């Protein structure tokens, strides 16, 4: 019994003092969400509940072995008092680029104020055990008056390793973090809001950090701080800020290829029809129109080829029907004298017949090219693969002049794209608006944002979830054609829709 007690006590001691190494490893693309619910007080008087949501899809890239990230931060904010909006309503998408070191330090590359928490959390270089504390520097950006001028505030955070838990089935560290807001005493951000005189307050946060990646999956921060301005104005906030990091489910892009290839004017992926022989594409989702065109073209080509062979042979008609494709392909090999390696036998050569396998690929390619030519720019939708996901570009959009109101003729194109997007059930969708450039930079920027949102609204009406979208406008800053010609301007008036993965 004494031995058992000794062993049990040893296990408890070992568990209490077992050490863990915390390291930021990254894990590809992710969704970052920041939700703020703060009671606002202006000069001591309650003015309303400020609610802000910042959502971003962050794409990981690598340059010279550095782990870098970029994305757009989509911001929506409103202040409500007595059921009425009393503050500025913000709806914007802000670009950002940064890198994160293995210790969790975040280094900005393109800084437009987001993310607002930087190098948070930061981990010690050595192993830690439950109860251990450490301190690290971090940075936070603030814009209390929504002036679009962000002020950087260095903070000194004290962390405590509380316990281990599971969060949504993932092993996590649970840390606490505390720091004080101190601005205007020994530090000023001369690139920030010059009218901000000082700031003080306190933060107490609990965070769940992935043991696998080092990402802070959830942070809940209790806030009580006040900002004072040179004109004597004091703005105080009390409430919570919640941060979330979510990873999109594993997504197989190739599952969308058949559906996308049906509506796009070009083809993508290894499953493009012109890349495969008939017996390998028989199970793909091919529209009836393409089936008919393939049958017609292949039948015509095969009939011509079989004229020089035995008159008792029936013309070989290749079909995309999955029940007969392999049989007909096999029959064609026998009739054309092809051996198991795809080479023509002497009989095949004497009849002037070529390899059936090569012929099949040629027939498919010919039929698809013919189909593409006959329907070229039918939808004015192009597709390409990017690091962020699959991008669909809707060209030559028809809006009312200088307006974001879509003309009725666009409904068909929008409906086709919506059917594709609904297949990517768990993926976020980035909608980017572009205009032609006429010299009105501010107006073009605003119009591009409005048109991106108009496309989003149209897709939502077609059944795509509104919560999946991030919208961004670029104005006329990213032309794909010459703005000096009507044709070029038409190409530049486009919307790009990326299925993010």
Protein backbone atom coordinates (compact mmCIF):
# COMPACT_ATOMS: atom_id res chain seq x y z
CA UNK A 1 0.00 0.00 0.00
CA UNK A 2 2.85 2.39 0.83
CA UNK A 3 4.46 1.67 -2.53
CA UNK A 4 1.17 2.41 -4.28
CA UNK A 5 0.79 5.72 -2.42
CA UNK A 6 4.37 6.65 -3.27
CA UNK A 7 3.85 5.92 -6.97
CA UNK A 8 0.55 7.84 -7.03
CA UNK A 9 2.19 10.85 -5.36
CA UNK A 10 5.07 10.64 -7.84
CA UNK A 11 2.64 10.75 -10.75
CA UNK A 12 0.96 13.84 -9.30
CA UNK A 13 4.31 15.56 -8.81
CA UNK A 14 5.43 14.64 -12.33
CA UNK A 15 2.13 15.92 -13.79
CA UNK A 16 2.43 19.18 -11.90
CA UNK A 17 5.99 19.78 -13.03
CA UNK A 18 5.95 18.30 -16.55
CA UNK A 19 7.17 20.90 -18.99
CA UNK A 20 5.86 21.95 -22.37
CA UNK A 21 7.46 23.78 -25.26
CA UNK A 22 5.15 26.35 -26.86
CA UNK A 23 6.05 27.28 -30.42
CA UNK A 24 4.30 29.00 -33.30
CA UNK A 25 4.28 26.67 -36.30
CA UNK A 26 1.53 28.20 -38.43
CA UNK A 27 -0.97 26.07 -40.27
CA UNK A 28 -1.65 27.52 -43.72
CA UNK A 29 -4.62 29.75 -44.47
CA UNK A 30 -7.02 30.71 -41.69
CA UNK A 31 -9.98 32.92 -40.78
CA UNK A 32 -9.44 35.63 -38.17
CA UNK A 33 -12.43 37.16 -36.38
CA UNK A 34 -12.44 39.99 -33.85
CA UNK A 35 -15.70 40.83 -32.07
CA UNK A 36 -15.99 43.88 -29.85
CA UNK A 37 -18.89 44.65 -27.50
CA UNK A 38 -18.03 47.75 -25.51
CA UNK A 39 -20.19 50.21 -23.58
CA UNK A 40 -19.11 53.69 -24.62
CA UNK A 41 -19.05 56.75 -22.36
CA UNK A 42 -18.37 60.25 -23.69
CA UNK A 43 -17.22 62.62 -20.94
CA UNK A 44 -18.72 60.29 -18.35
CA UNK A 45 -22.11 59.94 -20.06
CA UNK A 46 -23.24 56.59 -21.49
CA UNK A 47 -23.70 56.97 -25.24
CA UNK A 48 -24.35 53.42 -26.41
CA UNK A 49 -23.06 49.92 -27.06
CA UNK A 50 -20.33 49.81 -29.67
CA UNK A 51 -20.33 46.56 -31.62
CA UNK A 52 -17.61 45.82 -34.12
CA UNK A 53 -16.82 42.72 -36.10
CA UNK A 54 -13.59 42.33 -37.99
CA UNK A 55 -13.37 39.27 -40.21
CA UNK A 56 -10.46 38.32 -42.41
CA UNK A 57 -9.29 35.40 -44.49
CA UNK A 58 -5.51 35.17 -44.13
CA UNK A 59 -3.48 33.49 -46.86
CA UNK A 60 -0.06 32.06 -46.06
CA UNK A 61 2.81 32.52 -48.50
CA UNK A 62 6.51 31.72 -48.30
CA UNK A 63 9.41 33.83 -49.47
CA UNK A 64 13.02 32.86 -48.74
CA UNK A 65 11.77 30.35 -46.12
CA UNK A 66 9.93 33.12 -44.20
CA UNK A 67 6.31 32.41 -43.24
CA UNK A 68 4.32 35.39 -44.47
CA UNK A 69 0.63 36.18 -44.46
CA UNK A 70 -1.69 38.55 -46.26
CA UNK A 71 -5.39 39.21 -46.43
CA UNK A 72 -8.23 41.72 -46.25
CA UNK A 73 -9.78 42.71 -42.95
CA UNK A 74 -13.49 43.29 -43.44
CA UNK A 75 -14.79 45.74 -40.82
CA UNK A 76 -18.39 46.40 -39.75
CA UNK A 77 -19.13 48.65 -36.76
CA UNK A 78 -22.10 50.47 -35.28
CA UNK A 79 -22.93 52.19 -31.99
CA UNK A 80 -26.48 51.65 -30.77
CA UNK A 81 -28.33 53.50 -28.00
CA UNK A 82 -31.99 52.89 -27.16
CA UNK A 83 -32.39 50.71 -30.25
CA UNK A 84 -31.17 53.50 -32.54
CA UNK A 85 -27.88 53.81 -34.42
CA UNK A 86 -26.05 56.81 -33.00
CA UNK A 87 -22.51 56.22 -34.27
CA UNK A 88 -20.66 55.89 -37.52
CA UNK A 89 -21.46 52.72 -39.42
CA UNK A 90 -18.29 51.32 -40.90
CA UNK A 91 -18.14 48.83 -43.75
CA UNK A 92 -14.69 48.51 -45.23
CA UNK A 93 -12.10 45.98 -46.35
CA UNK A 94 -8.53 46.80 -45.37
CA UNK A 95 -5.47 45.03 -46.77
CA UNK A 96 -2.65 43.78 -44.57
CA UNK A 97 0.62 41.87 -44.91
CA UNK A 98 2.78 40.52 -42.10
CA UNK A 99 5.01 37.68 -40.96
CA UNK A 100 5.07 35.70 -37.71
CA UNK A 101 8.19 34.26 -36.10
CA UNK A 102 8.36 30.94 -34.23
CA UNK A 103 8.07 32.81 -30.89
CA UNK A 104 4.84 34.46 -32.02
CA UNK A 105 6.29 37.89 -32.81
CA UNK A 106 4.27 39.59 -35.55
CA UNK A 107 6.18 41.88 -37.92
CA UNK A 108 4.10 44.13 -40.17
CA UNK A 109 4.97 44.44 -43.87
CA UNK A 110 1.95 46.46 -45.02
CA UNK A 111 0.39 48.20 -42.02
CA UNK A 112 -3.11 49.69 -42.32
CA UNK A 113 -4.09 49.20 -38.70
CA UNK A 114 -5.01 45.50 -38.80
CA UNK A 115 -4.64 43.16 -37.08
CA UNK A 116 -5.12 45.31 -33.99
CA UNK A 117 -3.29 42.86 -31.71
CA UNK A 118 0.31 42.15 -32.70
CA UNK A 119 2.76 39.65 -31.18
CA UNK A 120 -0.05 38.47 -28.92
CA UNK A 121 0.46 35.95 -27.49
CA UNK A 122 4.24 35.68 -27.40
CA UNK A 123 5.88 32.53 -26.01
CA UNK A 124 9.03 32.05 -23.93
CA UNK A 125 12.00 30.38 -25.55
CA UNK A 126 12.24 27.66 -22.87
CA UNK A 127 9.84 24.94 -21.75
CA UNK A 128 7.15 25.89 -19.25
CA UNK A 129 4.99 24.08 -16.69
CA UNK A 130 1.61 24.86 -15.16
CA UNK A 131 1.80 27.91 -12.91
CA UNK A 132 4.77 29.46 -14.72
CA UNK A 133 4.64 33.17 -15.55
CA UNK A 134 6.52 35.20 -18.16
CA UNK A 135 6.39 38.68 -19.59
CA UNK A 136 6.65 39.80 -23.19
CA UNK A 137 6.17 42.93 -25.24
CA UNK A 138 3.26 43.23 -27.65
CA UNK A 139 1.50 45.99 -29.57
CA UNK A 140 -2.07 47.10 -30.05
CA UNK A 141 -3.56 49.61 -32.49
CA UNK A 142 -6.57 51.76 -31.57
CA UNK A 143 -8.91 54.19 -33.32
CA UNK A 144 -11.49 55.15 -30.66
CA UNK A 145 -13.07 57.97 -32.70
CA UNK A 146 -13.24 56.04 -36.00
CA UNK A 147 -11.08 58.69 -37.66
CA UNK A 148 -9.22 56.07 -39.78
CA UNK A 149 -6.04 57.09 -37.97
CA UNK A 150 -4.64 54.20 -35.97
CA UNK A 151 -2.43 54.81 -32.97
CA UNK A 152 0.09 52.17 -31.95
CA UNK A 153 0.33 51.40 -28.25
CA UNK A 154 3.12 49.18 -26.88
CA UNK A 155 2.00 46.90 -24.06
CA UNK A 156 3.82 44.72 -21.56
CA UNK A 157 1.87 41.50 -21.07
CA UNK A 158 2.20 39.09 -18.14
CA UNK A 159 1.19 35.53 -19.06
CA UNK A 160 0.39 32.61 -16.74
CA UNK A 161 0.16 28.96 -17.80
CA UNK A 162 -3.10 27.89 -16.12
CA UNK A 163 -4.00 24.42 -17.39
CA UNK A 164 -4.52 22.10 -20.38
CA UNK A 165 -7.89 21.52 -22.02
CA UNK A 166 -9.54 20.46 -25.24
CA UNK A 167 -11.23 22.99 -27.50
CA UNK A 168 -13.38 21.59 -30.31
CA UNK A 169 -11.48 18.34 -30.11
CA UNK A 170 -8.04 19.99 -30.19
CA UNK A 171 -5.44 19.93 -27.41
CA UNK A 172 -4.86 23.47 -26.10
CA UNK A 173 -2.91 25.42 -23.51
CA UNK A 174 -4.98 27.76 -21.35
CA UNK A 175 -3.12 30.97 -20.50
CA UNK A 176 -4.14 34.14 -18.73
CA UNK A 177 -2.82 37.51 -19.87
CA UNK A 178 -2.92 40.86 -18.09
CA UNK A 179 -1.63 44.29 -19.01
CA UNK A 180 -2.21 47.96 -18.35
CA UNK A 181 -3.00 50.63 -20.94
CA UNK A 182 -0.40 53.39 -20.56
CA UNK A 183 -0.07 56.00 -23.30
CA UNK A 184 1.16 59.59 -23.23
CA UNK A 185 3.44 59.26 -20.23
CA UNK A 186 6.64 57.89 -21.70
CA UNK A 187 5.51 56.96 -25.21
CA UNK A 188 3.75 58.71 -28.11
CA UNK A 189 3.08 57.42 -31.61
CA UNK A 190 3.95 60.40 -33.82
CA UNK A 191 2.45 58.58 -36.80
CA UNK A 192 -0.83 58.08 -34.96
CA UNK A 193 -3.61 60.41 -33.83
CA UNK A 194 -1.88 63.66 -32.82
CA UNK A 195 -5.02 64.74 -30.94
CA UNK A 196 -4.85 61.79 -28.54
CA UNK A 197 -3.28 63.10 -25.36
CA UNK A 198 -3.26 60.01 -23.16
CA UNK A 199 -4.84 56.64 -22.44
CA UNK A 200 -5.06 54.46 -19.37
CA UNK A 201 -6.88 51.33 -18.27
CA UNK A 202 -6.62 47.59 -17.73
CA UNK A 203 -7.05 44.33 -19.67
CA UNK A 204 -7.53 40.80 -18.33
CA UNK A 205 -7.70 38.01 -20.89
CA UNK A 206 -8.01 34.23 -21.03
CA UNK A 207 -6.73 32.46 -24.13
CA UNK A 208 -6.83 28.99 -25.63
CA UNK A 209 -3.66 28.26 -27.61
CA UNK A 210 -3.33 25.29 -29.95
CA UNK A 211 -0.60 22.88 -28.88
CA UNK A 212 -0.20 21.85 -32.51
CA UNK A 213 0.21 25.24 -34.18
CA UNK A 214 0.71 27.83 -31.44
CA UNK A 215 -2.24 29.83 -32.78
CA UNK A 216 -4.48 31.58 -30.24
CA UNK A 217 -7.76 29.89 -31.14
CA UNK A 218 -9.83 31.96 -28.69
CA UNK A 219 -9.00 35.07 -26.65
CA UNK A 220 -11.54 36.74 -24.36
CA UNK A 221 -10.38 40.14 -23.12
CA UNK A 222 -12.16 42.14 -20.39
CA UNK A 223 -11.58 45.85 -21.10
CA UNK A 224 -11.80 49.01 -18.99
CA UNK A 225 -9.93 51.95 -20.51
CA UNK A 226 -10.20 55.67 -21.18
CA UNK A 227 -8.80 57.88 -23.96
CA UNK A 228 -8.29 61.60 -23.42
CA UNK A 229 -7.89 64.17 -26.23
CA UNK A 230 -6.28 67.60 -26.44
CA UNK A 231 -9.64 69.37 -26.49
CA UNK A 232 -10.57 67.78 -23.15
CA UNK A 233 -12.83 65.07 -24.58
CA UNK A 234 -12.74 61.76 -22.71
CA UNK A 235 -13.97 58.54 -24.30
CA UNK A 236 -14.19 55.43 -22.12
CA UNK A 237 -14.95 51.81 -23.07
CA UNK A 238 -15.98 48.92 -20.84
CA UNK A 239 -16.79 45.41 -22.02
CA UNK A 240 -15.21 42.54 -23.93
CA UNK A 241 -13.10 41.92 -27.00
CA UNK A 242 -13.13 38.37 -28.35
CA UNK A 243 -10.63 37.04 -30.87
CA UNK A 244 -11.06 33.82 -32.85
CA UNK A 245 -8.81 31.90 -35.22
CA UNK A 246 -10.55 29.28 -37.34
CA UNK A 247 -9.20 26.93 -39.96
CA UNK A 248 -11.43 26.12 -42.92
CA UNK A 249 -12.19 22.42 -43.40
CA UNK A 250 -10.03 20.53 -45.85
CA UNK A 251 -11.35 21.29 -49.31
CA UNK A 252 -10.70 19.41 -52.54
CA UNK A 253 -10.66 21.98 -55.34
CA UNK A 254 -10.97 19.30 -58.00
CA UNK A 255 -14.54 18.53 -56.95
CA UNK A 256 -15.58 21.90 -58.35
CA UNK A 257 -13.76 21.55 -61.67
CA UNK A 258 -16.60 19.93 -63.64
CA UNK A 259 -19.18 22.49 -62.50
CA UNK A 260 -16.85 25.44 -63.05
CA UNK A 261 -15.71 24.20 -66.44
CA UNK A 262 -19.33 24.09 -67.57
CA UNK A 263 -19.86 27.83 -67.04
CA UNK A 264 -16.39 29.27 -67.65
CA UNK A 265 -15.04 30.27 -71.06
CA UNK A 266 -11.77 28.51 -70.29
CA UNK A 267 -10.92 25.26 -68.50
CA UNK A 268 -8.90 24.55 -65.36
CA UNK A 269 -7.52 21.54 -63.55
CA UNK A 270 -6.35 18.09 -64.50
CA UNK A 271 -9.94 17.15 -65.25
CA UNK A 272 -10.19 19.53 -68.21
CA UNK A 273 -11.82 17.50 -70.95
CA UNK A 274 -9.13 18.10 -73.55
CA UNK A 275 -6.55 16.52 -71.23
CA UNK A 276 -8.17 13.09 -70.91
CA UNK A 277 -9.13 10.22 -73.23
CA UNK A 278 -12.78 9.33 -73.57
CA UNK A 279 -12.85 6.42 -71.13
CA UNK A 280 -11.42 8.67 -68.38
CA UNK A 281 -13.97 11.50 -68.69
CA UNK A 282 -17.07 9.38 -68.99
CA UNK A 283 -17.97 9.88 -65.31
CA UNK A 284 -17.52 13.66 -65.27
CA UNK A 285 -20.53 15.95 -65.12
CA UNK A 286 -20.81 16.99 -68.76
CA UNK A 287 -23.74 19.03 -69.99
CA UNK A 288 -26.09 17.60 -72.62
CA UNK A 289 -24.99 20.24 -75.13
CA UNK A 290 -21.34 19.22 -74.81
CA UNK A 291 -22.28 15.53 -75.00
CA UNK A 292 -24.12 16.12 -78.25
CA UNK A 293 -21.24 18.17 -79.66
CA UNK A 294 -18.71 15.51 -78.65
CA UNK A 295 -20.82 12.73 -80.16
CA UNK A 296 -21.26 14.67 -83.38
CA UNK A 297 -17.58 15.57 -83.77
CA UNK A 298 -16.23 12.18 -82.76
CA UNK A 299 -18.77 10.33 -84.89
CA UNK A 300 -17.84 12.43 -87.90
CA UNK A 301 -14.10 11.94 -87.39
CA UNK A 302 -14.39 8.21 -86.69
CA UNK A 303 -16.65 7.62 -89.67
CA UNK A 304 -14.12 9.26 -91.96
CA UNK A 305 -11.33 7.16 -90.52
CA UNK A 306 -13.25 3.92 -90.87
CA UNK A 307 -13.99 4.49 -94.57
CA UNK A 308 -10.53 3.22 -95.49
CA UNK A 309 -10.93 0.05 -93.41
CA UNK A 310 -13.00 -3.08 -94.13
CA UNK A 311 -16.41 -2.35 -95.61
CA UNK A 312 -17.94 -4.89 -93.23
CA UNK A 313 -16.89 -2.79 -90.22
CA UNK A 314 -19.53 -0.50 -88.80
CA UNK A 315 -18.46 3.12 -88.32
CA UNK A 316 -17.03 3.58 -84.81
CA UNK A 317 -19.01 6.26 -82.92
CA UNK A 318 -17.39 7.20 -79.61
CA UNK A 319 -19.86 8.39 -76.99
CA UNK A 320 -19.63 9.94 -73.54
CA UNK A 321 -22.22 7.45 -72.33
CA UNK A 322 -20.46 5.74 -69.44
CA UNK A 323 -22.02 2.34 -70.15
CA UNK A 324 -20.73 2.09 -73.69
CA UNK A 325 -17.52 4.12 -73.77
CA UNK A 326 -15.11 1.32 -72.86
CA UNK A 327 -16.79 -1.18 -75.20
CA UNK A 328 -16.58 1.16 -78.16
CA UNK A 329 -13.03 2.10 -77.37
CA UNK A 330 -12.09 -1.59 -77.25
CA UNK A 331 -13.92 -2.25 -80.50
CA UNK A 332 -12.09 0.61 -82.16
CA UNK A 333 -8.73 -0.86 -81.16
CA UNK A 334 -9.61 -4.17 -82.78
CA UNK A 335 -10.87 -2.55 -85.96
CA UNK A 336 -7.87 -0.30 -86.35
CA UNK A 337 -5.28 -2.99 -85.59
CA UNK A 338 -3.84 -1.51 -82.39
CA UNK A 339 -1.81 -3.72 -80.06
CA UNK A 340 -1.74 -3.46 -76.25
CA UNK A 341 0.98 -0.80 -76.36
CA UNK A 342 -1.08 1.51 -78.55
CA UNK A 343 1.07 0.92 -81.69
CA UNK A 344 -0.50 0.05 -85.05
CA UNK A 345 -0.05 -3.48 -86.38
CA UNK A 346 1.02 -4.11 -89.97
CA UNK A 347 -2.62 -4.57 -90.90
CA UNK A 348 -3.48 -1.25 -89.40
CA UNK A 349 -0.70 0.46 -91.31
CA UNK A 350 -1.75 -1.08 -94.59
CA UNK A 351 -5.28 0.27 -94.15
CA UNK A 352 -4.02 3.74 -93.30
CA UNK A 353 -5.60 3.67 -89.79
CA UNK A 354 -3.85 5.46 -86.90
CA UNK A 355 -3.62 4.47 -83.24
CA UNK A 356 -7.05 4.45 -81.65
CA UNK A 357 -5.76 5.78 -78.34
CA UNK A 358 -4.08 8.70 -80.04
CA UNK A 359 -7.10 9.14 -82.26
CA UNK A 360 -9.43 9.21 -79.25
CA UNK A 361 -7.43 11.99 -77.58
CA UNK A 362 -7.38 13.95 -80.83
CA UNK A 363 -11.12 13.53 -81.28
CA UNK A 364 -11.86 14.70 -77.75
CA UNK A 365 -9.54 17.68 -78.12
CA UNK A 366 -11.07 18.59 -81.48
CA UNK A 367 -14.60 18.33 -80.15
CA UNK A 368 -13.87 20.38 -77.04
CA UNK A 369 -12.03 23.05 -79.01
CA UNK A 370 -14.94 23.22 -81.45
CA UNK A 371 -17.38 23.52 -78.56
CA UNK A 372 -15.29 26.25 -76.97
CA UNK A 373 -15.04 28.18 -80.23
CA UNK A 374 -18.75 27.95 -80.88
CA UNK A 375 -19.51 29.17 -77.38
CA UNK A 376 -16.52 31.49 -76.89
CA UNK A 377 -17.26 34.28 -74.41
CA UNK A 378 -20.79 32.98 -74.11
CA UNK A 379 -20.81 33.66 -70.37
CA UNK A 380 -17.84 36.06 -70.19
CA UNK A 381 -16.69 34.18 -67.12
CA UNK A 382 -13.05 33.13 -66.83
CA UNK A 383 -11.45 30.95 -64.18
CA UNK A 384 -7.96 30.47 -62.75
CA UNK A 385 -6.34 28.94 -59.69
CA UNK A 386 -4.55 31.23 -57.22
CA UNK A 387 -2.76 30.72 -53.90
CA UNK A 388 -5.90 31.88 -52.12
CA UNK A 389 -8.30 29.61 -54.04
CA UNK A 390 -10.27 29.34 -57.27
CA UNK A 391 -11.02 32.74 -58.84
CA UNK A 392 -13.98 33.33 -61.15
CA UNK A 393 -13.92 36.60 -63.07
CA UNK A 394 -17.16 38.06 -64.40
CA UNK A 395 -16.18 40.30 -67.30
CA UNK A 396 -18.01 43.21 -68.91
CA UNK A 397 -20.61 43.54 -66.17
CA UNK A 398 -23.78 45.37 -67.12
CA UNK A 399 -24.71 47.98 -64.53
CA UNK A 400 -26.77 51.10 -64.90
CA UNK A 401 -24.46 53.99 -65.77
CA UNK A 402 -22.41 55.13 -62.75
CA UNK A 403 -24.49 52.85 -60.55
CA UNK A 404 -24.21 49.58 -58.65
CA UNK A 405 -27.63 48.43 -59.88
CA UNK A 406 -27.30 45.32 -62.02
CA UNK A 407 -29.24 45.19 -65.26
CA UNK A 408 -31.74 42.30 -65.54
CA UNK A 409 -29.66 40.55 -68.21
CA UNK A 410 -27.01 39.63 -65.61
CA UNK A 411 -29.32 37.38 -63.62
CA UNK A 412 -28.43 34.27 -65.63
CA UNK A 413 -24.68 34.63 -65.10
CA UNK A 414 -25.13 35.29 -61.38
CA UNK A 415 -27.39 32.24 -61.01
CA UNK A 416 -24.81 29.98 -62.71
CA UNK A 417 -22.05 31.16 -60.39
CA UNK A 418 -24.29 30.80 -57.34
CA UNK A 419 -24.84 27.13 -58.16
CA UNK A 420 -21.06 26.60 -58.10
CA UNK A 421 -20.57 28.55 -54.85
CA UNK A 422 -23.26 26.56 -53.07
CA UNK A 423 -21.17 23.42 -53.64
CA UNK A 424 -18.33 24.96 -51.57
CA UNK A 425 -20.43 24.85 -48.42
CA UNK A 426 -17.72 25.54 -45.84
CA UNK A 427 -15.50 27.96 -47.73
CA UNK A 428 -15.33 31.75 -47.39
CA UNK A 429 -15.86 33.78 -50.57
CA UNK A 430 -13.96 36.96 -51.48
CA UNK A 431 -15.74 39.33 -53.87
CA UNK A 432 -13.56 42.07 -55.42
CA UNK A 433 -14.99 44.88 -57.53
CA UNK A 434 -13.10 46.71 -60.30
CA UNK A 435 -13.99 49.66 -62.52
CA UNK A 436 -12.58 51.25 -65.62
CA UNK A 437 -10.32 54.23 -64.92
CA UNK A 438 -11.64 57.64 -65.94
CA UNK A 439 -9.66 59.81 -63.53
CA UNK A 440 -12.19 60.01 -60.67
CA UNK A 441 -10.20 57.89 -58.23
CA UNK A 442 -12.41 58.43 -55.18
CA UNK A 443 -15.63 57.86 -57.09
CA UNK A 444 -14.27 54.74 -58.79
CA UNK A 445 -13.19 53.29 -55.45
CA UNK A 446 -16.62 53.83 -53.92
CA UNK A 447 -18.37 52.45 -57.00
CA UNK A 448 -16.19 49.30 -57.01
CA UNK A 449 -17.10 48.62 -53.37
CA UNK A 450 -20.80 49.13 -54.09
CA UNK A 451 -20.66 46.82 -57.10
CA UNK A 452 -18.86 44.11 -55.16
CA UNK A 453 -21.62 44.29 -52.55
CA UNK A 454 -24.27 44.28 -55.30
CA UNK A 455 -22.88 41.00 -56.64
CA UNK A 456 -22.80 39.59 -53.12
CA UNK A 457 -26.44 40.57 -52.58
CA UNK A 458 -27.42 39.01 -55.91
CA UNK A 459 -25.65 35.75 -54.98
CA UNK A 460 -27.37 35.74 -51.58
CA UNK A 461 -30.73 36.02 -53.34
CA UNK A 462 -29.74 32.92 -55.30
CA UNK A 463 -29.25 30.96 -52.09
CA UNK A 464 -25.60 31.50 -51.08
CA UNK A 465 -25.20 32.19 -47.35
CA UNK A 466 -24.55 35.87 -46.62
CA UNK A 467 -22.13 34.95 -43.81
CA UNK A 468 -19.63 33.48 -46.29
CA UNK A 469 -18.68 36.77 -47.98
CA UNK A 470 -15.84 39.24 -47.70
CA UNK A 471 -16.13 42.21 -50.09
CA UNK A 472 -13.45 44.56 -51.39
CA UNK A 473 -13.26 47.34 -54.00
CA UNK A 474 -10.16 48.30 -55.98
CA UNK A 475 -11.56 51.10 -58.15
CA UNK A 476 -9.59 51.36 -61.36
CA UNK A 477 -6.21 50.56 -59.79
CA UNK A 478 -5.89 47.03 -61.21
CA UNK A 479 -6.68 47.20 -64.93
CA UNK A 480 -6.36 44.10 -67.11
CA UNK A 481 -6.76 45.97 -70.39
CA UNK A 482 -6.19 49.39 -71.96
CA UNK A 483 -8.58 52.03 -70.61
CA UNK A 484 -8.17 54.03 -73.82
CA UNK A 485 -10.50 51.74 -75.77
CA UNK A 486 -14.16 50.82 -75.16
CA UNK A 487 -13.19 47.13 -75.31
CA UNK A 488 -10.49 47.66 -72.69
CA UNK A 489 -12.82 49.53 -70.38
CA UNK A 490 -15.38 46.76 -70.69
CA UNK A 491 -12.77 44.20 -69.57
CA UNK A 492 -11.78 46.36 -66.61
CA UNK A 493 -15.39 46.60 -65.43
CA UNK A 494 -15.33 43.23 -63.72
CA UNK A 495 -15.90 41.43 -60.46
CA UNK A 496 -13.57 38.66 -59.21
CA UNK A 497 -15.02 35.97 -56.96
CA UNK A 498 -12.53 33.75 -55.15
CA UNK A 499 -13.53 30.54 -53.36
CA UNK A 500 -11.01 30.73 -50.53
CA UNK A 501 -9.26 27.61 -49.30
